[in-house]
Amino acid sequence: RAGVPNLFNPNERDILEGKIETALEIALSTNNLGALASVKGMVERTDKKHVLESLDAKILVIAGKHDNAVKTEIMIKNLPDRTNIKSYVLDCGHNGHWEKPSICAEIINTELLHHLPKHLIL
């Protein structure tokens, strides 16, 4: 219960109150075994950097500046320096798709249609 709000930008919790409540309702309605399996998968996940280093497809990373689940700055810094990888850091927490849905949609749509600078901070 307490973990859900931590996935959102702490500076905008008052604005995001409705979305946080919805996320909490979804979390509380999730099957316990499914939730535990999901957490276990995240904890036991092995390093997949080799996939990023060898994949020829476009790779798009949208991260949150205020993410309490992922160390965004370190993660972005450790991305391989390849032309097929682009990163965006948004003024949000872990749930950018909920906090900044329009910006996320714009980035995804633009990346599918156009070429943008390798690193962009919004």
N, C-alpha and C. Protein backbone atom coordinates (compact mmCIF):
# COMPACT_ATOMS: atom_id res chain seq x y z
N ARG A 1 0.83 -1.20 0.00
CA ARG A 1 0.00 0.00 0.00
C ARG A 1 0.86 1.25 0.00
N ALA A 2 1.88 1.28 0.86
CA ALA A 2 2.72 2.47 0.98
C ALA A 2 3.65 2.64 -0.21
N GLY A 3 3.94 1.55 -0.92
CA GLY A 3 4.89 1.63 -2.03
C GLY A 3 4.36 2.33 -3.26
N VAL A 4 3.07 2.26 -3.50
CA VAL A 4 2.50 2.83 -4.73
C VAL A 4 2.75 4.33 -4.86
N PRO A 5 2.48 5.14 -3.85
CA PRO A 5 2.74 6.58 -4.01
C PRO A 5 4.21 6.89 -4.31
N ASN A 6 5.13 6.04 -3.85
CA ASN A 6 6.55 6.27 -4.10
C ASN A 6 6.94 6.10 -5.56
N LEU A 7 6.05 5.54 -6.36
CA LEU A 7 6.31 5.38 -7.79
C LEU A 7 5.97 6.65 -8.58
N PHE A 8 5.44 7.65 -7.90
CA PHE A 8 5.04 8.90 -8.54
C PHE A 8 5.95 10.04 -8.06
N ASN A 9 6.02 11.10 -8.86
CA ASN A 9 6.82 12.28 -8.52
C ASN A 9 6.36 12.84 -7.18
N PRO A 10 7.25 12.88 -6.17
CA PRO A 10 6.84 13.37 -4.86
C PRO A 10 6.46 14.86 -4.87
N ASN A 11 6.96 15.60 -5.84
CA ASN A 11 6.65 17.03 -5.93
C ASN A 11 5.26 17.31 -6.50
N GLU A 12 4.60 16.28 -7.02
CA GLU A 12 3.29 16.47 -7.65
C GLU A 12 2.24 15.52 -7.10
N ARG A 13 2.47 14.99 -5.91
CA ARG A 13 1.52 14.01 -5.35
C ARG A 13 0.12 14.59 -5.19
N ASP A 14 0.03 15.87 -4.85
CA ASP A 14 -1.30 16.48 -4.69
C ASP A 14 -2.04 16.52 -6.02
N ILE A 15 -1.35 16.85 -7.09
CA ILE A 15 -1.96 16.91 -8.42
C ILE A 15 -2.31 15.50 -8.91
N LEU A 16 -1.48 14.54 -8.54
CA LEU A 16 -1.63 13.16 -9.03
C LEU A 16 -2.46 12.28 -8.11
N GLU A 17 -3.10 12.86 -7.12
CA GLU A 17 -3.82 12.09 -6.10
C GLU A 17 -4.80 11.08 -6.71
N GLY A 18 -5.57 11.49 -7.70
CA GLY A 18 -6.54 10.59 -8.33
C GLY A 18 -5.87 9.42 -9.03
N LYS A 19 -4.77 9.69 -9.73
CA LYS A 19 -4.05 8.63 -10.43
C LYS A 19 -3.37 7.69 -9.43
N ILE A 20 -2.88 8.24 -8.34
CA ILE A 20 -2.26 7.41 -7.31
C ILE A 20 -3.32 6.48 -6.70
N GLU A 21 -4.51 7.00 -6.44
CA GLU A 21 -5.61 6.19 -5.90
C GLU A 21 -5.97 5.06 -6.87
N THR A 22 -6.05 5.38 -8.16
CA THR A 22 -6.36 4.36 -9.17
C THR A 22 -5.28 3.29 -9.19
N ALA A 23 -4.02 3.71 -9.16
CA ALA A 23 -2.91 2.75 -9.15
C ALA A 23 -2.96 1.87 -7.90
N LEU A 24 -3.32 2.47 -6.78
CA LEU A 24 -3.43 1.72 -5.53
C LEU A 24 -4.57 0.70 -5.61
N GLU A 25 -5.70 1.09 -6.18
CA GLU A 25 -6.83 0.16 -6.35
C GLU A 25 -6.42 -1.02 -7.23
N ILE A 26 -5.70 -0.73 -8.31
CA ILE A 26 -5.23 -1.81 -9.20
C ILE A 26 -4.28 -2.73 -8.44
N ALA A 27 -3.36 -2.14 -7.69
CA ALA A 27 -2.39 -2.94 -6.94
C ALA A 27 -3.08 -3.82 -5.91
N LEU A 28 -4.06 -3.26 -5.20
CA LEU A 28 -4.76 -4.03 -4.17
C LEU A 28 -5.67 -5.11 -4.75
N SER A 29 -6.08 -4.95 -6.01
CA SER A 29 -6.94 -5.96 -6.64
C SER A 29 -6.13 -7.04 -7.36
N THR A 30 -4.82 -6.87 -7.40
CA THR A 30 -3.96 -7.84 -8.07
C THR A 30 -3.82 -9.10 -7.22
N ASN A 31 -3.85 -10.24 -7.88
CA ASN A 31 -3.66 -11.53 -7.21
C ASN A 31 -2.33 -11.52 -6.46
N ASN A 32 -2.35 -11.94 -5.19
CA ASN A 32 -1.13 -11.92 -4.36
C ASN A 32 0.01 -12.72 -4.97
N LEU A 33 -0.29 -13.90 -5.49
CA LEU A 33 0.77 -14.73 -6.08
C LEU A 33 1.36 -14.07 -7.32
N GLY A 34 0.51 -13.42 -8.10
CA GLY A 34 0.99 -12.71 -9.29
C GLY A 34 1.87 -11.53 -8.91
N ALA A 35 1.46 -10.80 -7.89
CA ALA A 35 2.25 -9.65 -7.43
C ALA A 35 3.60 -10.11 -6.89
N LEU A 36 3.59 -11.18 -6.10
CA LEU A 36 4.86 -11.71 -5.56
C LEU A 36 5.78 -12.21 -6.67
N ALA A 37 5.21 -12.87 -7.66
CA ALA A 37 6.01 -13.36 -8.79
C ALA A 37 6.62 -12.19 -9.56
N SER A 38 5.86 -11.12 -9.70
CA SER A 38 6.36 -9.93 -10.39
C SER A 38 7.53 -9.31 -9.64
N VAL A 39 7.38 -9.16 -8.34
CA VAL A 39 8.47 -8.59 -7.52
C VAL A 39 9.69 -9.51 -7.56
N LYS A 40 9.46 -10.81 -7.44
CA LYS A 40 10.57 -11.76 -7.49
C LYS A 40 11.31 -11.65 -8.82
N GLY A 41 10.56 -11.50 -9.90
CA GLY A 41 11.18 -11.36 -11.22
C GLY A 41 12.05 -10.11 -11.31
N MET A 42 11.59 -9.02 -10.71
CA MET A 42 12.37 -7.78 -10.73
C MET A 42 13.64 -7.92 -9.89
N VAL A 43 13.52 -8.57 -8.74
CA VAL A 43 14.67 -8.74 -7.85
C VAL A 43 15.71 -9.66 -8.48
N GLU A 44 15.25 -10.73 -9.12
CA GLU A 44 16.16 -11.73 -9.66
C GLU A 44 16.60 -11.46 -11.10
N ARG A 45 16.12 -10.39 -11.67
CA ARG A 45 16.44 -10.09 -13.07
C ARG A 45 17.95 -9.93 -13.24
N THR A 46 18.48 -10.58 -14.25
CA THR A 46 19.91 -10.48 -14.53
C THR A 46 20.18 -9.28 -15.43
N ASP A 47 21.42 -8.88 -15.48
CA ASP A 47 21.83 -7.74 -16.30
C ASP A 47 21.61 -8.07 -17.78
N LYS A 48 20.90 -7.21 -18.47
CA LYS A 48 20.60 -7.44 -19.89
C LYS A 48 21.30 -6.42 -20.80
N LYS A 49 22.37 -5.81 -20.29
CA LYS A 49 23.07 -4.80 -21.08
C LYS A 49 23.57 -5.37 -22.41
N HIS A 50 23.93 -6.65 -22.42
CA HIS A 50 24.41 -7.27 -23.66
C HIS A 50 23.35 -7.23 -24.76
N VAL A 51 22.09 -7.26 -24.38
CA VAL A 51 21.00 -7.17 -25.37
C VAL A 51 21.01 -5.78 -26.00
N LEU A 52 21.16 -4.75 -25.16
CA LEU A 52 21.20 -3.38 -25.67
C LEU A 52 22.41 -3.16 -26.56
N GLU A 53 23.51 -3.82 -26.24
CA GLU A 53 24.74 -3.64 -27.01
C GLU A 53 24.69 -4.33 -28.37
N SER A 54 23.85 -5.34 -28.51
CA SER A 54 23.85 -6.11 -29.76
C SER A 54 22.58 -5.98 -30.59
N LEU A 55 21.51 -5.47 -30.03
CA LEU A 55 20.24 -5.38 -30.75
C LEU A 55 20.32 -4.30 -31.83
N ASP A 56 19.88 -4.62 -33.03
CA ASP A 56 19.93 -3.66 -34.13
C ASP A 56 18.67 -2.82 -34.25
N ALA A 57 17.64 -3.15 -33.50
CA ALA A 57 16.38 -2.40 -33.56
C ALA A 57 16.52 -1.07 -32.81
N LYS A 58 15.56 -0.17 -33.06
CA LYS A 58 15.52 1.08 -32.31
C LYS A 58 15.20 0.78 -30.85
N ILE A 59 15.90 1.45 -29.95
CA ILE A 59 15.66 1.30 -28.52
C ILE A 59 15.33 2.68 -27.97
N LEU A 60 14.19 2.79 -27.32
CA LEU A 60 13.73 4.06 -26.77
C LEU A 60 13.56 3.90 -25.26
N VAL A 61 14.25 4.75 -24.50
CA VAL A 61 14.16 4.73 -23.04
C VAL A 61 13.50 6.03 -22.60
N ILE A 62 12.38 5.92 -21.91
CA ILE A 62 11.70 7.08 -21.32
C ILE A 62 11.78 6.88 -19.81
N ALA A 63 12.50 7.77 -19.15
CA ALA A 63 12.75 7.62 -17.71
C ALA A 63 12.25 8.83 -16.94
N GLY A 64 12.08 8.65 -15.64
CA GLY A 64 11.62 9.72 -14.77
C GLY A 64 12.75 10.29 -13.92
N LYS A 65 12.84 11.60 -13.89
CA LYS A 65 13.87 12.27 -13.10
C LYS A 65 13.69 11.99 -11.60
N HIS A 66 12.45 11.77 -11.18
CA HIS A 66 12.14 11.55 -9.76
C HIS A 66 11.76 10.09 -9.49
N ASP A 67 12.31 9.17 -10.26
CA ASP A 67 12.00 7.75 -10.12
C ASP A 67 12.68 7.19 -8.88
N ASN A 68 11.89 6.65 -7.95
CA ASN A 68 12.43 6.05 -6.73
C ASN A 68 12.69 4.56 -6.89
N ALA A 69 12.29 3.98 -8.02
CA ALA A 69 12.49 2.55 -8.25
C ALA A 69 13.73 2.28 -9.10
N VAL A 70 14.10 3.24 -9.94
CA VAL A 70 15.24 3.10 -10.84
C VAL A 70 16.15 4.31 -10.65
N LYS A 71 17.44 4.07 -10.57
CA LYS A 71 18.39 5.19 -10.47
C LYS A 71 18.60 5.73 -11.89
N THR A 72 17.74 6.66 -12.28
CA THR A 72 17.68 7.14 -13.66
C THR A 72 19.01 7.65 -14.17
N GLU A 73 19.66 8.50 -13.42
CA GLU A 73 20.91 9.11 -13.89
C GLU A 73 21.97 8.04 -14.20
N ILE A 74 22.09 7.07 -13.31
CA ILE A 74 23.06 5.99 -13.51
C ILE A 74 22.66 5.13 -14.69
N MET A 75 21.37 4.81 -14.79
CA MET A 75 20.88 3.97 -15.88
C MET A 75 21.15 4.62 -17.24
N ILE A 76 20.83 5.92 -17.36
CA ILE A 76 21.05 6.63 -18.62
C ILE A 76 22.54 6.69 -18.95
N LYS A 77 23.35 6.97 -17.94
CA LYS A 77 24.80 7.05 -18.13
C LYS A 77 25.38 5.72 -18.60
N ASN A 78 24.78 4.61 -18.16
CA ASN A 78 25.29 3.28 -18.50
C ASN A 78 24.71 2.69 -19.78
N LEU A 79 23.83 3.44 -20.45
CA LEU A 79 23.33 2.94 -21.73
C LEU A 79 24.48 2.89 -22.73
N PRO A 80 24.53 1.87 -23.57
CA PRO A 80 25.57 1.83 -24.59
C PRO A 80 25.47 3.05 -25.51
N ASP A 81 26.60 3.55 -25.95
CA ASP A 81 26.64 4.71 -26.83
C ASP A 81 26.47 4.25 -28.28
N ARG A 82 25.21 4.04 -28.65
CA ARG A 82 24.90 3.55 -29.99
C ARG A 82 23.84 4.44 -30.61
N THR A 83 23.89 4.58 -31.92
CA THR A 83 22.96 5.48 -32.62
C THR A 83 21.52 5.00 -32.60
N ASN A 84 21.28 3.73 -32.33
CA ASN A 84 19.91 3.20 -32.31
C ASN A 84 19.25 3.33 -30.93
N ILE A 85 19.96 3.90 -29.95
CA ILE A 85 19.42 4.04 -28.60
C ILE A 85 19.19 5.52 -28.31
N LYS A 86 17.96 5.86 -27.93
CA LYS A 86 17.64 7.23 -27.54
C LYS A 86 17.02 7.22 -26.15
N SER A 87 17.33 8.27 -25.40
CA SER A 87 16.78 8.36 -24.04
C SER A 87 16.15 9.72 -23.81
N TYR A 88 15.09 9.70 -23.03
CA TYR A 88 14.38 10.90 -22.61
C TYR A 88 14.22 10.84 -21.10
N VAL A 89 14.50 11.94 -20.43
CA VAL A 89 14.28 12.03 -18.99
C VAL A 89 13.19 13.06 -18.76
N LEU A 90 12.08 12.60 -18.20
CA LEU A 90 10.93 13.47 -17.96
C LEU A 90 10.85 13.89 -16.50
N ASP A 91 10.17 14.98 -16.25
CA ASP A 91 9.96 15.49 -14.89
C ASP A 91 8.81 14.71 -14.26
N CYS A 92 9.11 13.45 -13.91
CA CYS A 92 8.09 12.56 -13.34
C CYS A 92 8.78 11.50 -12.51
N GLY A 93 7.98 10.61 -11.94
CA GLY A 93 8.50 9.49 -11.18
C GLY A 93 8.63 8.26 -12.07
N HIS A 94 8.35 7.09 -11.50
CA HIS A 94 8.47 5.82 -12.22
C HIS A 94 7.34 5.61 -13.23
N ASN A 95 6.21 6.25 -13.00
CA ASN A 95 5.02 6.04 -13.83
C ASN A 95 4.78 7.20 -14.79
N GLY A 96 5.76 7.49 -15.62
CA GLY A 96 5.64 8.59 -16.57
C GLY A 96 4.44 8.46 -17.49
N HIS A 97 4.08 7.23 -17.83
CA HIS A 97 2.92 7.01 -18.71
C HIS A 97 1.62 7.44 -18.03
N TRP A 98 1.60 7.51 -16.71
CA TRP A 98 0.42 8.01 -15.98
C TRP A 98 0.57 9.48 -15.67
N GLU A 99 1.80 9.89 -15.31
CA GLU A 99 2.03 11.26 -14.89
C GLU A 99 2.08 12.24 -16.05
N LYS A 100 2.68 11.83 -17.14
CA LYS A 100 2.86 12.69 -18.31
C LYS A 100 2.44 11.92 -19.58
N PRO A 101 1.17 11.49 -19.64
CA PRO A 101 0.76 10.65 -20.77
C PRO A 101 0.88 11.34 -22.12
N SER A 102 0.58 12.62 -22.20
CA SER A 102 0.66 13.33 -23.49
C SER A 102 2.09 13.42 -23.98
N ILE A 103 3.01 13.73 -23.08
CA ILE A 103 4.42 13.83 -23.47
C ILE A 103 4.94 12.46 -23.89
N CYS A 104 4.60 11.43 -23.13
CA CYS A 104 5.04 10.07 -23.49
C CYS A 104 4.50 9.67 -24.86
N ALA A 105 3.23 9.94 -25.10
CA ALA A 105 2.63 9.61 -26.40
C ALA A 105 3.30 10.39 -27.52
N GLU A 106 3.57 11.66 -27.28
CA GLU A 106 4.24 12.50 -28.28
C GLU A 106 5.63 11.96 -28.61
N ILE A 107 6.38 11.59 -27.59
CA ILE A 107 7.72 11.04 -27.81
C ILE A 107 7.64 9.76 -28.62
N ILE A 108 6.77 8.86 -28.21
CA ILE A 108 6.65 7.58 -28.91
C ILE A 108 6.21 7.79 -30.36
N ASN A 109 5.19 8.61 -30.57
CA ASN A 109 4.73 8.87 -31.94
C ASN A 109 5.80 9.55 -32.77
N THR A 110 6.50 10.51 -32.19
CA THR A 110 7.55 11.22 -32.93
C THR A 110 8.70 10.28 -33.26
N GLU A 111 9.10 9.47 -32.32
CA GLU A 111 10.21 8.54 -32.56
C GLU A 111 9.87 7.52 -33.65
N LEU A 112 8.61 7.17 -33.74
CA LEU A 112 8.21 6.23 -34.79
C LEU A 112 8.23 6.88 -36.17
N LEU A 113 8.08 8.22 -36.19
CA LEU A 113 7.95 8.92 -37.47
C LEU A 113 9.15 9.77 -37.86
N HIS A 114 9.95 10.21 -36.89
CA HIS A 114 11.02 11.17 -37.16
C HIS A 114 12.30 10.78 -36.44
N HIS A 115 13.36 11.52 -36.77
CA HIS A 115 14.64 11.35 -36.08
C HIS A 115 14.86 12.56 -35.18
N LEU A 116 15.06 12.32 -33.89
CA LEU A 116 15.29 13.39 -32.93
C LEU A 116 16.71 13.28 -32.38
N PRO A 117 17.18 14.30 -31.64
CA PRO A 117 18.52 14.23 -31.05
C PRO A 117 18.68 13.01 -30.15
N LYS A 118 19.90 12.54 -30.02
CA LYS A 118 20.19 11.34 -29.24
C LYS A 118 19.76 11.46 -27.78
N HIS A 119 20.02 12.59 -27.13
CA HIS A 119 19.63 12.79 -25.73
C HIS A 119 18.77 14.04 -25.65
N LEU A 120 17.65 13.94 -24.98
CA LEU A 120 16.77 15.09 -24.84
C LEU A 120 16.19 15.07 -23.44
N ILE A 121 16.31 16.19 -22.74
CA ILE A 121 15.76 16.30 -21.39
C ILE A 121 14.61 17.27 -21.43
N LEU A 122 13.43 16.81 -21.00
CA LEU A 122 12.23 17.65 -21.00
C LEU A 122 11.80 17.97 -19.60
